[in-house]
């Protein structure tokens, strides 16, 4: 993890191994636990895109899948129910997962999550690691550096730094100034000062309706950026 305009992001050590069973059984808790409780959204946030269709949230959808009312393949957005670790498959060729959304808001991912303890990255991070963080209940704030000036980046970082279960990184070419992703939901805005940004963080961090892995940790993940891997 790097220093961003004077904000120092938390940089725990890399995870030594993936969470045992993380994502193996959709809708069931897995992995390490945090002491912070989950919570439901205090209020609706205007303009949020929800990708659960008629089921509305992760908990309801997984209940429908487990009772054989629907299969993931029948959904408009099957990825909301897909939690596999692509890199643990013996046949994996090293190709990172590709997502329908840019930036992604869920789906199969890499076995290591991106550290998300109020973590601000000054370079793009790997989608597959960030999606794993969303699975743990985090909100990922991304911004297009061509559309957001330095002062606005500083102001956005102030919303993230020190806030557990959140992370922030530039996402060149995303086509909108600011985008916030949590599992199965997204909010995009052209205004970096939009008050809905803070409202989304309040509503969707560790939201029990949308959290696939209740109380899985945000610490101990990878803190590298995409450029570090090249």
Protein backbone atom coordinates (compact mmCIF):
# COMPACT_ATOMS: atom_id res chain seq x y z
CA UNK A 1 0.00 0.00 0.00
CA UNK A 2 1.22 3.48 -0.72
CA UNK A 3 0.98 6.95 0.71
CA UNK A 4 -1.65 9.15 -0.96
CA UNK A 5 -1.45 12.95 -0.68
CA UNK A 6 -0.48 12.76 2.98
CA UNK A 7 -2.99 10.08 3.92
CA UNK A 8 -1.30 6.96 5.20
CA UNK A 9 -3.32 3.83 4.51
CA UNK A 10 -3.09 0.90 6.89
CA UNK A 11 -0.84 -1.83 5.55
CA UNK A 12 -1.19 -5.20 7.31
CA UNK A 13 0.92 -8.12 6.17
CA UNK A 14 -0.21 -10.35 3.36
CA UNK A 15 -2.53 -13.19 4.26
CA UNK A 16 -0.58 -16.45 4.43
CA UNK A 17 -3.50 -18.46 3.13
CA UNK A 18 -7.03 -18.00 1.87
CA UNK A 19 -9.90 -18.30 4.27
CA UNK A 20 -10.84 -21.94 4.66
CA UNK A 21 -14.17 -22.50 2.98
CA UNK A 22 -14.57 -18.81 2.09
CA UNK A 23 -17.24 -18.64 -0.57
CA UNK A 24 -17.68 -22.41 -0.74
CA UNK A 25 -21.28 -22.35 0.41
CA UNK A 26 -23.19 -19.28 -0.79
CA UNK A 27 -24.99 -17.42 1.95
CA UNK A 28 -23.19 -19.05 4.88
CA UNK A 29 -20.63 -17.27 7.07
CA UNK A 30 -17.00 -18.18 6.54
CA UNK A 31 -13.49 -17.23 7.51
CA UNK A 32 -12.16 -15.12 10.30
CA UNK A 33 -14.43 -12.91 12.33
CA UNK A 34 -14.37 -9.30 13.43
CA UNK A 35 -15.88 -7.93 16.61
CA UNK A 36 -17.85 -5.22 14.80
CA UNK A 37 -21.58 -6.05 14.43
CA UNK A 38 -23.44 -6.09 11.15
CA UNK A 39 -26.25 -3.65 10.60
CA UNK A 40 -29.06 -2.93 8.18
CA UNK A 41 -29.23 0.21 6.07
CA UNK A 42 -30.57 3.13 8.17
CA UNK A 43 -32.27 4.61 5.12
CA UNK A 44 -32.54 4.22 1.37
CA UNK A 45 -29.91 6.05 -0.65
CA UNK A 46 -31.29 7.61 -3.81
CA UNK A 47 -29.81 6.40 -7.08
CA UNK A 48 -28.37 3.08 -5.89
CA UNK A 49 -28.34 0.35 -8.55
CA UNK A 50 -29.44 -2.99 -7.13
CA UNK A 51 -28.54 -6.14 -9.09
CA UNK A 52 -30.65 -8.70 -7.19
CA UNK A 53 -33.73 -8.31 -9.37
CA UNK A 54 -37.01 -9.32 -7.77
CA UNK A 55 -35.19 -10.80 -4.76
CA UNK A 56 -33.89 -7.44 -3.60
CA UNK A 57 -30.98 -8.54 -1.45
CA UNK A 58 -28.43 -11.31 -0.95
CA UNK A 59 -30.16 -12.94 2.01
CA UNK A 60 -33.47 -13.28 0.17
CA UNK A 61 -31.80 -14.49 -3.01
CA UNK A 62 -29.76 -17.18 -1.28
CA UNK A 63 -32.88 -18.35 0.55
CA UNK A 64 -34.62 -18.70 -2.81
CA UNK A 65 -31.67 -20.63 -4.27
CA UNK A 66 -31.42 -22.94 -1.28
CA UNK A 67 -35.15 -23.70 -1.46
CA UNK A 68 -34.87 -24.39 -5.22
CA UNK A 69 -37.10 -21.50 -6.23
CA UNK A 70 -34.44 -20.26 -8.64
CA UNK A 71 -30.93 -21.08 -9.81
CA UNK A 72 -28.11 -18.60 -10.22
CA UNK A 73 -28.11 -19.23 -13.96
CA UNK A 74 -31.69 -17.98 -14.21
CA UNK A 75 -30.84 -14.58 -12.77
CA UNK A 76 -30.30 -11.49 -14.90
CA UNK A 77 -27.03 -11.01 -12.98
CA UNK A 78 -25.86 -14.50 -11.96
CA UNK A 79 -22.66 -13.10 -10.45
CA UNK A 80 -24.51 -11.82 -7.37
CA UNK A 81 -24.70 -15.46 -6.22
CA UNK A 82 -21.23 -16.54 -7.40
CA UNK A 83 -18.57 -16.69 -4.69
CA UNK A 84 -15.99 -19.10 -6.05
CA UNK A 85 -12.22 -18.66 -5.79
CA UNK A 86 -10.97 -18.98 -9.35
CA UNK A 87 -7.32 -19.41 -8.37
CA UNK A 88 -7.81 -22.53 -6.23
CA UNK A 89 -9.00 -24.54 -9.22
CA UNK A 90 -6.29 -26.92 -10.42
CA UNK A 91 -7.16 -26.00 -13.99
CA UNK A 92 -6.73 -22.26 -13.43
CA UNK A 93 -4.41 -20.80 -16.07
CA UNK A 94 -3.60 -17.61 -14.18
CA UNK A 95 -6.09 -15.47 -16.04
CA UNK A 96 -7.77 -13.06 -13.60
CA UNK A 97 -11.56 -13.09 -13.44
CA UNK A 98 -13.41 -10.85 -15.89
CA UNK A 99 -16.51 -9.01 -14.71
CA UNK A 100 -19.70 -7.73 -16.32
CA UNK A 101 -19.50 -4.43 -14.44
CA UNK A 102 -16.63 -1.94 -14.43
CA UNK A 103 -15.72 -1.69 -11.60
CA UNK A 104 -17.20 -5.01 -10.45
CA UNK A 105 -19.67 -5.35 -7.57
CA UNK A 106 -19.52 -9.10 -6.94
CA UNK A 107 -18.86 -12.46 -8.52
CA UNK A 108 -16.18 -15.15 -8.49
CA UNK A 109 -12.87 -13.73 -7.34
CA UNK A 110 -9.35 -14.40 -6.09
CA UNK A 111 -8.75 -16.23 -2.83
CA UNK A 112 -6.99 -13.28 -1.15
CA UNK A 113 -8.98 -10.18 -0.33
CA UNK A 114 -7.65 -6.62 -0.57
CA UNK A 115 -6.92 -5.11 2.82
CA UNK A 116 -9.86 -2.83 3.53
CA UNK A 117 -9.33 -1.28 6.97
CA UNK A 118 -10.03 2.23 5.73
CA UNK A 119 -7.35 1.66 3.13
CA UNK A 120 -6.52 4.26 0.48
CA UNK A 121 -4.46 3.10 -2.50
CA UNK A 122 -2.81 5.57 -4.85
CA UNK A 123 -2.78 3.16 -7.80
CA UNK A 124 -5.28 0.70 -9.31
CA UNK A 125 -5.74 -2.57 -7.46
CA UNK A 126 -6.63 -6.01 -8.79
CA UNK A 127 -10.38 -6.42 -9.35
CA UNK A 128 -10.41 -10.01 -8.14
CA UNK A 129 -8.91 -9.05 -4.76
CA UNK A 130 -11.23 -6.07 -4.34
CA UNK A 131 -14.32 -8.20 -5.08
CA UNK A 132 -13.26 -10.56 -2.30
CA UNK A 133 -13.26 -7.55 0.04
CA UNK A 134 -16.84 -6.79 -1.02
CA UNK A 135 -17.74 -10.36 -0.12
CA UNK A 136 -16.51 -9.59 3.39
CA UNK A 137 -18.91 -6.65 3.67
CA UNK A 138 -16.67 -3.80 2.50
CA UNK A 139 -17.51 -0.83 0.31
CA UNK A 140 -14.99 -0.02 -2.43
CA UNK A 141 -14.81 3.61 -3.55
CA UNK A 142 -13.22 4.12 -6.96
CA UNK A 143 -12.60 7.33 -8.87
CA UNK A 144 -11.54 8.16 -12.40
CA UNK A 145 -8.32 10.19 -12.07
CA UNK A 146 -9.10 11.94 -15.37
CA UNK A 147 -12.34 13.29 -13.90
CA UNK A 148 -11.43 14.01 -10.25
CA UNK A 149 -8.88 16.63 -9.23
CA UNK A 150 -6.37 16.31 -6.41
CA UNK A 151 -8.41 18.32 -3.90
CA UNK A 152 -11.43 16.10 -4.49
CA UNK A 153 -9.30 12.97 -4.11
CA UNK A 154 -8.13 14.30 -0.73
CA UNK A 155 -11.71 14.91 0.35
CA UNK A 156 -12.78 11.41 -0.72
CA UNK A 157 -9.81 9.90 1.11
CA UNK A 158 -10.95 11.66 4.29
CA UNK A 159 -14.17 9.64 4.12
CA UNK A 160 -12.24 6.37 3.95
CA UNK A 161 -9.09 6.64 6.06
CA UNK A 162 -9.44 4.80 9.35
CA UNK A 163 -12.92 3.48 8.51
CA UNK A 164 -12.95 -0.31 8.77
CA UNK A 165 -14.51 -2.29 5.91
CA UNK A 166 -13.79 0.38 3.32
CA UNK A 167 -11.16 0.91 0.66
CA UNK A 168 -10.46 3.39 -2.12
CA UNK A 169 -8.44 3.33 -5.32
CA UNK A 170 -8.23 5.06 -8.70
CA UNK A 171 -9.95 3.25 -11.56
CA UNK A 172 -8.83 4.84 -14.85
CA UNK A 173 -11.42 4.71 -17.59
CA UNK A 174 -14.41 3.86 -15.41
CA UNK A 175 -16.21 6.70 -17.18
CA UNK A 176 -17.78 8.33 -14.13
CA UNK A 177 -16.11 10.52 -11.53
CA UNK A 178 -16.90 8.36 -8.48
CA UNK A 179 -18.29 4.86 -8.14
CA UNK A 180 -19.05 2.98 -4.92
CA UNK A 181 -19.38 -0.79 -4.97
CA UNK A 182 -20.68 -3.21 -2.37
CA UNK A 183 -21.80 -6.77 -3.04
CA UNK A 184 -24.71 -6.57 -5.49
CA UNK A 185 -25.14 -2.79 -5.28
CA UNK A 186 -23.54 0.28 -6.83
CA UNK A 187 -23.78 4.06 -6.65
CA UNK A 188 -22.18 6.28 -9.29
CA UNK A 189 -21.96 10.05 -9.36
CA UNK A 190 -20.26 12.77 -11.37
CA UNK A 191 -19.93 14.94 -8.24
CA UNK A 192 -17.05 14.00 -5.89
CA UNK A 193 -18.76 16.12 -3.20
CA UNK A 194 -22.09 14.32 -3.56
CA UNK A 195 -23.48 13.78 -0.02
CA UNK A 196 -24.77 10.39 -1.12
CA UNK A 197 -21.19 9.10 -1.06
CA UNK A 198 -21.04 9.32 2.74
CA UNK A 199 -24.63 8.06 2.96
CA UNK A 200 -23.74 5.00 0.89
CA UNK A 201 -20.79 4.19 3.13
CA UNK A 202 -23.03 4.48 6.19
CA UNK A 203 -25.74 2.32 4.66
CA UNK A 204 -23.81 -0.46 2.94
CA UNK A 205 -20.69 -1.16 4.97
CA UNK A 206 -21.38 -4.49 6.72
CA UNK A 207 -25.04 -4.30 5.73
CA UNK A 208 -26.52 -7.60 6.88
CA UNK A 209 -28.98 -7.76 3.96
CA UNK A 210 -26.19 -7.76 1.37
CA UNK A 211 -23.22 -9.24 3.21
CA UNK A 212 -22.32 -12.70 1.83
CA UNK A 213 -19.81 -13.51 4.60
CA UNK A 214 -21.00 -12.06 7.85
CA UNK A 215 -18.14 -10.71 9.95
CA UNK A 216 -15.29 -11.97 7.77
CA UNK A 217 -12.22 -9.82 8.35
CA UNK A 218 -10.89 -6.91 6.28
CA UNK A 219 -7.42 -7.13 7.81
CA UNK A 220 -4.56 -9.33 6.70
CA UNK A 221 -5.30 -9.20 3.00
CA UNK A 222 -3.05 -8.19 0.14
CA UNK A 223 -1.88 -4.58 0.10
CA UNK A 224 -0.26 -4.62 -3.33
CA UNK A 225 -1.51 -2.70 -6.34
CA UNK A 226 -1.96 -3.97 -9.88
CA UNK A 227 1.30 -2.31 -10.92
CA UNK A 228 3.22 -4.17 -8.23
CA UNK A 229 2.41 -7.43 -9.98
CA UNK A 230 3.75 -6.37 -13.37
